[in-house]
Amino acid sequence: MANTLFYFSLILLLSVAVSYFVLNNFQQKAENDIGLLEAQLAAAEASPEAVLEKEVLNYQKKINDFSSLLSSHRYSSQIFPLIESVTHPKVVFSDFSLELAKGIVTLSGITDSFQTLDQQLTILKGEKLIKTAEVSDIVLEEDGRISFNLNLVPNQQIFIQTENNE
């Protein structure tokens, strides 16, 4: 029994030693293969086609970024034709302020009478492209004219560029 245990241990020791050398050989071959593949990959990345491909992909990303910026751009200049079309002939606006993020237009104006101011407000409230129109800071000037501020909230569609309002 001791002899069989001794021979079994000897065979086991020899098989472990052989397995060690075989696995070590496989590992070295795998490391060599990895080194060759890395060298081929580095050579491929340095090729003119790869450099050109990276450059094209970079330009494609820039174009996509610009396209998304352009599609979300709001054209604040579109408010001027609207204001021009709804301004009463006897009203003069002297100051203009636009908070595009909030969508609020503030106008300072002057007119000859309260009746003209009421007519201006009626015109603004009747315009479908203006959601709300409010008058504030009404002051009767020394020369008899009325100065005021108008706060307008236009429909946000006015700020989107379309083919017919370019």
C-alpha atoms as a PDB file:
ATOM      1  CA  MET A   1       0.000   0.000   0.000  1.00  0.00           C
ATOM      2  CA  ALA A   2       2.830   2.392   0.770  1.00  0.00           C
ATOM      3  CA  ASN A   3       4.330   1.631  -2.624  1.00  0.00           C
ATOM      4  CA  THR A   4       1.115   2.493  -4.466  1.00  0.00           C
ATOM      5  CA  LEU A   5       0.774   5.701  -2.522  1.00  0.00           C
ATOM      6  CA  PHE A   6       4.407   6.567  -3.325  1.00  0.00           C
ATOM      7  CA  TYR A   7       3.951   5.843  -7.053  1.00  0.00           C
ATOM      8  CA  PHE A   8       0.666   7.741  -7.119  1.00  0.00           C
ATOM      9  CA  SER A   9       2.359  10.765  -5.497  1.00  0.00           C
ATOM     10  CA  LEU A  10       5.266  10.510  -7.944  1.00  0.00           C
ATOM     11  CA  ILE A  11       2.898  10.397 -10.946  1.00  0.00           C
ATOM     12  CA  LEU A  12       0.952  13.322  -9.530  1.00  0.00           C
ATOM     13  CA  LEU A  13       4.178  15.320  -9.019  1.00  0.00           C
ATOM     14  CA  LEU A  14       5.335  14.588 -12.563  1.00  0.00           C
ATOM     15  CA  SER A  15       1.939  15.530 -14.030  1.00  0.00           C
ATOM     16  CA  VAL A  16       1.969  18.827 -12.089  1.00  0.00           C
ATOM     17  CA  ALA A  17       5.508  19.613 -13.343  1.00  0.00           C
ATOM     18  CA  VAL A  18       4.578  18.770 -16.944  1.00  0.00           C
ATOM     19  CA  SER A  19       1.367  20.826 -16.654  1.00  0.00           C
ATOM     20  CA  TYR A  20       3.364  23.761 -15.309  1.00  0.00           C
ATOM     21  CA  PHE A  21       5.755  23.734 -18.273  1.00  0.00           C
ATOM     22  CA  VAL A  22       2.951  23.239 -20.820  1.00  0.00           C
ATOM     23  CA  LEU A  23       0.860  26.081 -19.365  1.00  0.00           C
ATOM     24  CA  ASN A  24       3.939  28.314 -19.129  1.00  0.00           C
ATOM     25  CA  ASN A  25       4.623  27.639 -22.823  1.00  0.00           C
ATOM     26  CA  PHE A  26       0.986  28.512 -23.737  1.00  0.00           C
ATOM     27  CA  GLN A  27       1.218  31.713 -21.719  1.00  0.00           C
ATOM     28  CA  GLN A  28       4.407  32.806 -23.512  1.00  0.00           C
ATOM     29  CA  LYS A  29       2.830  32.071 -26.902  1.00  0.00           C
ATOM     30  CA  ALA A  30      -0.267  34.099 -25.925  1.00  0.00           C
ATOM     31  CA  GLU A  31       1.888  37.027 -24.765  1.00  0.00           C
ATOM     32  CA  ASN A  32       3.825  36.941 -28.043  1.00  0.00           C
ATOM     33  CA  ASP A  33       0.567  36.878 -30.023  1.00  0.00           C
ATOM     34  CA  ILE A  34      -0.770  39.818 -28.001  1.00  0.00           C
ATOM     35  CA  GLY A  35       2.439  41.749 -28.660  1.00  0.00           C
ATOM     36  CA  LEU A  36       2.162  41.099 -32.405  1.00  0.00           C
ATOM     37  CA  LEU A  37      -1.491  42.140 -32.452  1.00  0.00           C
ATOM     38  CA  GLU A  38      -0.724  45.345 -30.521  1.00  0.00           C
ATOM     39  CA  ALA A  39       2.053  46.151 -32.994  1.00  0.00           C
ATOM     40  CA  GLN A  40      -0.318  45.569 -35.919  1.00  0.00           C
ATOM     41  CA  LEU A  41      -2.978  47.728 -34.255  1.00  0.00           C
ATOM     42  CA  ALA A  42      -0.491  50.543 -33.649  1.00  0.00           C
ATOM     43  CA  ALA A  43       0.619  50.342 -37.280  1.00  0.00           C
ATOM     44  CA  ALA A  44      -3.001  50.414 -38.444  1.00  0.00           C
ATOM     45  CA  GLU A  45      -3.788  53.448 -36.268  1.00  0.00           C
ATOM     46  CA  ALA A  46      -0.791  55.281 -37.675  1.00  0.00           C
ATOM     47  CA  SER A  47      -1.847  54.594 -41.268  1.00  0.00           C
ATOM     48  CA  PRO A  48      -3.115  57.551 -43.332  1.00  0.00           C
ATOM     49  CA  GLU A  49      -6.541  55.954 -43.656  1.00  0.00           C
ATOM     50  CA  ALA A  50      -6.941  55.733 -39.887  1.00  0.00           C
ATOM     51  CA  VAL A  51      -5.826  59.331 -39.413  1.00  0.00           C
ATOM     52  CA  LEU A  52      -8.244  60.439 -42.127  1.00  0.00           C
ATOM     53  CA  GLU A  53     -11.044  58.400 -40.561  1.00  0.00           C
ATOM     54  CA  LYS A  54     -10.459  60.050 -37.170  1.00  0.00           C
ATOM     55  CA  GLU A  55     -10.497  63.469 -38.806  1.00  0.00           C
ATOM     56  CA  VAL A  56     -13.729  62.700 -40.658  1.00  0.00           C
ATOM     57  CA  LEU A  57     -15.364  61.448 -37.464  1.00  0.00           C
ATOM     58  CA  ASN A  58     -14.262  64.626 -35.683  1.00  0.00           C
ATOM     59  CA  TYR A  59     -15.817  66.782 -38.422  1.00  0.00           C
ATOM     60  CA  GLN A  60     -18.973  64.678 -38.348  1.00  0.00           C
ATOM     61  CA  LYS A  61     -19.291  65.278 -34.596  1.00  0.00           C
ATOM     62  CA  LYS A  62     -18.819  69.025 -35.089  1.00  0.00           C
ATOM     63  CA  ILE A  63     -21.471  69.092 -37.822  1.00  0.00           C
ATOM     64  CA  ASN A  64     -23.922  67.183 -35.635  1.00  0.00           C
ATOM     65  CA  ASP A  65     -23.257  69.542 -32.724  1.00  0.00           C
ATOM     66  CA  PHE A  66     -23.762  72.580 -34.961  1.00  0.00           C
ATOM     67  CA  SER A  67     -26.951  71.108 -36.414  1.00  0.00           C
ATOM     68  CA  SER A  68     -28.446  70.593 -32.972  1.00  0.00           C
ATOM     69  CA  LEU A  69     -27.465  74.133 -31.961  1.00  0.00           C
ATOM     70  CA  LEU A  70     -28.977  75.581 -35.116  1.00  0.00           C
ATOM     71  CA  SER A  71     -32.218  73.667 -34.714  1.00  0.00           C
ATOM     72  CA  SER A  72     -32.665  74.992 -31.174  1.00  0.00           C
ATOM     73  CA  HIS A  73     -31.706  78.588 -32.091  1.00  0.00           C
ATOM     74  CA  ARG A  74     -34.375  81.179 -31.443  1.00  0.00           C
ATOM     75  CA  TYR A  75     -34.605  84.161 -33.784  1.00  0.00           C
ATOM     76  CA  SER A  76     -35.279  87.190 -31.625  1.00  0.00           C
ATOM     77  CA  SER A  77     -35.394  89.506 -34.632  1.00  0.00           C
ATOM     78  CA  GLN A  78     -38.768  88.036 -35.614  1.00  0.00           C
ATOM     79  CA  ILE A  79     -40.416  90.097 -32.866  1.00  0.00           C
ATOM     80  CA  PHE A  80     -39.750  93.423 -34.647  1.00  0.00           C
ATOM     81  CA  PRO A  81     -42.117  92.925 -37.615  1.00  0.00           C
ATOM     82  CA  LEU A  82     -44.806  91.842 -35.150  1.00  0.00           C
ATOM     83  CA  ILE A  83     -44.376  94.960 -33.011  1.00  0.00           C
ATOM     84  CA  GLU A  84     -44.320  97.127 -36.123  1.00  0.00           C
ATOM     85  CA  SER A  85     -47.572  95.607 -37.368  1.00  0.00           C
ATOM     86  CA  VAL A  86     -49.461  96.077 -34.076  1.00  0.00           C
ATOM     87  CA  THR A  87     -48.233  99.543 -33.089  1.00  0.00           C
ATOM     88  CA  HIS A  88     -50.871 102.272 -33.058  1.00  0.00           C
ATOM     89  CA  PRO A  89     -49.938 105.244 -35.325  1.00  0.00           C
ATOM     90  CA  LYS A  90     -50.022 107.672 -32.383  1.00  0.00           C
ATOM     91  CA  VAL A  91     -47.834 105.523 -30.097  1.00  0.00           C
ATOM     92  CA  VAL A  92     -44.057 105.869 -30.048  1.00  0.00           C
ATOM     93  CA  PHE A  93     -41.900 103.245 -28.386  1.00  0.00           C
ATOM     94  CA  SER A  94     -38.616 104.565 -27.021  1.00  0.00           C
ATOM     95  CA  ASP A  95     -37.155 101.540 -25.257  1.00  0.00           C
ATOM     96  CA  PHE A  96     -37.166  97.838 -25.989  1.00  0.00           C
ATOM     97  CA  SER A  97     -36.099  94.917 -23.825  1.00  0.00           C
ATOM     98  CA  LEU A  98     -36.332  91.220 -24.605  1.00  0.00           C
ATOM     99  CA  GLU A  99     -35.742  88.415 -22.136  1.00  0.00           C
ATOM    100  CA  LEU A 100     -35.614  85.539 -24.600  1.00  0.00           C
ATOM    101  CA  ALA A 101     -35.232  82.870 -21.915  1.00  0.00           C
ATOM    102  CA  LYS A 102     -38.451  84.020 -20.213  1.00  0.00           C
ATOM    103  CA  GLY A 103     -40.128  85.100 -23.446  1.00  0.00           C
ATOM    104  CA  ILE A 104     -40.982  88.592 -22.160  1.00  0.00           C
ATOM    105  CA  VAL A 105     -40.836  91.779 -24.218  1.00  0.00           C
ATOM    106  CA  THR A 106     -40.853  95.087 -22.372  1.00  0.00           C
ATOM    107  CA  LEU A 107     -41.542  98.294 -24.291  1.00  0.00           C
ATOM    108  CA  SER A 108     -41.458 101.853 -22.995  1.00  0.00           C
ATOM    109  CA  GLY A 109     -43.693 104.179 -24.934  1.00  0.00           C
ATOM    110  CA  ILE A 110     -45.385 107.509 -25.061  1.00  0.00           C
ATOM    111  CA  THR A 111     -48.709 108.597 -26.543  1.00  0.00           C
ATOM    112  CA  ASP A 112     -51.020 111.615 -26.633  1.00  0.00           C
ATOM    113  CA  SER A 113     -54.023 110.288 -24.695  1.00  0.00           C
ATOM    114  CA  PHE A 114     -55.432 107.544 -22.538  1.00  0.00           C
ATOM    115  CA  GLN A 115     -57.815 106.699 -25.385  1.00  0.00           C
ATOM    116  CA  THR A 116     -54.865 105.967 -27.693  1.00  0.00           C
ATOM    117  CA  LEU A 117     -53.248 103.869 -24.973  1.00  0.00           C
ATOM    118  CA  ASP A 118     -56.476 101.891 -24.576  1.00  0.00           C
ATOM    119  CA  GLN A 119     -56.675 101.396 -28.342  1.00  0.00           C
ATOM    120  CA  GLN A 120     -53.048 100.187 -28.377  1.00  0.00           C
ATOM    121  CA  LEU A 121     -53.781  97.689 -25.618  1.00  0.00           C
ATOM    122  CA  THR A 122     -56.891  96.485 -27.462  1.00  0.00           C
ATOM    123  CA  ILE A 123     -54.857  95.952 -30.643  1.00  0.00           C
ATOM    124  CA  LEU A 124     -52.235  93.976 -28.722  1.00  0.00           C
ATOM    125  CA  LYS A 125     -54.801  91.801 -26.955  1.00  0.00           C
ATOM    126  CA  GLY A 126     -56.464  91.048 -30.304  1.00  0.00           C
ATOM    127  CA  GLU A 127     -53.219  89.815 -31.883  1.00  0.00           C
ATOM    128  CA  LYS A 128     -53.067  86.001 -31.975  1.00  0.00           C
ATOM    129  CA  LEU A 129     -49.229  85.969 -31.733  1.00  0.00           C
ATOM    130  CA  ILE A 130     -49.321  87.777 -28.372  1.00  0.00           C
ATOM    131  CA  LYS A 131     -50.411  85.720 -25.358  1.00  0.00           C
ATOM    132  CA  THR A 132     -50.603  88.551 -22.830  1.00  0.00           C
ATOM    133  CA  ALA A 133     -50.207  92.318 -22.883  1.00  0.00           C
ATOM    134  CA  GLU A 134     -50.085  94.383 -19.712  1.00  0.00           C
ATOM    135  CA  VAL A 135     -49.601  98.114 -19.213  1.00  0.00           C
ATOM    136  CA  SER A 136     -47.640  99.348 -16.212  1.00  0.00           C
ATOM    137  CA  ASP A 137     -45.950 102.503 -14.901  1.00  0.00           C
ATOM    138  CA  ILE A 138     -48.433 104.907 -16.484  1.00  0.00           C
ATOM    139  CA  VAL A 139     -47.308 108.497 -15.943  1.00  0.00           C
ATOM    140  CA  LEU A 140     -48.962 111.751 -17.048  1.00  0.00           C
ATOM    141  CA  GLU A 141     -46.076 113.906 -18.260  1.00  0.00           C
ATOM    142  CA  GLU A 142     -45.894 117.711 -17.826  1.00  0.00           C
ATOM    143  CA  ASP A 143     -46.605 118.266 -21.523  1.00  0.00           C
ATOM    144  CA  GLY A 144     -49.852 116.251 -21.241  1.00  0.00           C
ATOM    145  CA  ARG A 145     -48.592 113.127 -22.935  1.00  0.00           C
ATOM    146  CA  ILE A 146     -48.818 109.689 -21.355  1.00  0.00           C
ATOM    147  CA  SER A 147     -45.708 107.555 -20.813  1.00  0.00           C
ATOM    148  CA  PHE A 148     -46.088 103.867 -20.028  1.00  0.00           C
ATOM    149  CA  ASN A 149     -44.462 100.451 -20.090  1.00  0.00           C
ATOM    150  CA  LEU A 150     -45.884  97.477 -21.954  1.00  0.00           C
ATOM    151  CA  ASN A 151     -45.076  93.928 -20.918  1.00  0.00           C
ATOM    152  CA  LEU A 152     -45.791  91.455 -23.704  1.00  0.00           C
ATOM    153  CA  VAL A 153     -45.564  87.691 -23.728  1.00  0.00           C
ATOM    154  CA  PRO A 154     -45.529  86.647 -27.380  1.00  0.00           C
ATOM    155  CA  ASN A 155     -46.295  83.167 -28.633  1.00  0.00           C
ATOM    156  CA  GLN A 156     -42.964  81.308 -28.677  1.00  0.00           C
ATOM    157  CA  GLN A 157     -43.583  80.222 -32.289  1.00  0.00           C
ATOM    158  CA  ILE A 158     -42.611  83.755 -33.352  1.00  0.00           C
ATOM    159  CA  PHE A 159     -39.006  82.999 -32.431  1.00  0.00           C
ATOM    160  CA  ILE A 160     -38.746  79.909 -34.639  1.00  0.00           C
ATOM    161  CA  GLN A 161     -37.340  80.533 -38.121  1.00  0.00           C
ATOM    162  CA  THR A 162     -39.480  79.146 -40.920  1.00  0.00           C
ATOM    163  CA  GLU A 163     -39.224  79.411 -44.680  1.00  0.00           C
ATOM    164  CA  ASN A 164     -41.963  82.034 -44.937  1.00  0.00           C
ATOM    165  CA  ASN A 165     -40.474  84.388 -42.291  1.00  0.00           C
ATOM    166  CA  GLU A 166     -36.810  84.163 -43.227  1.00  0.00           C
END
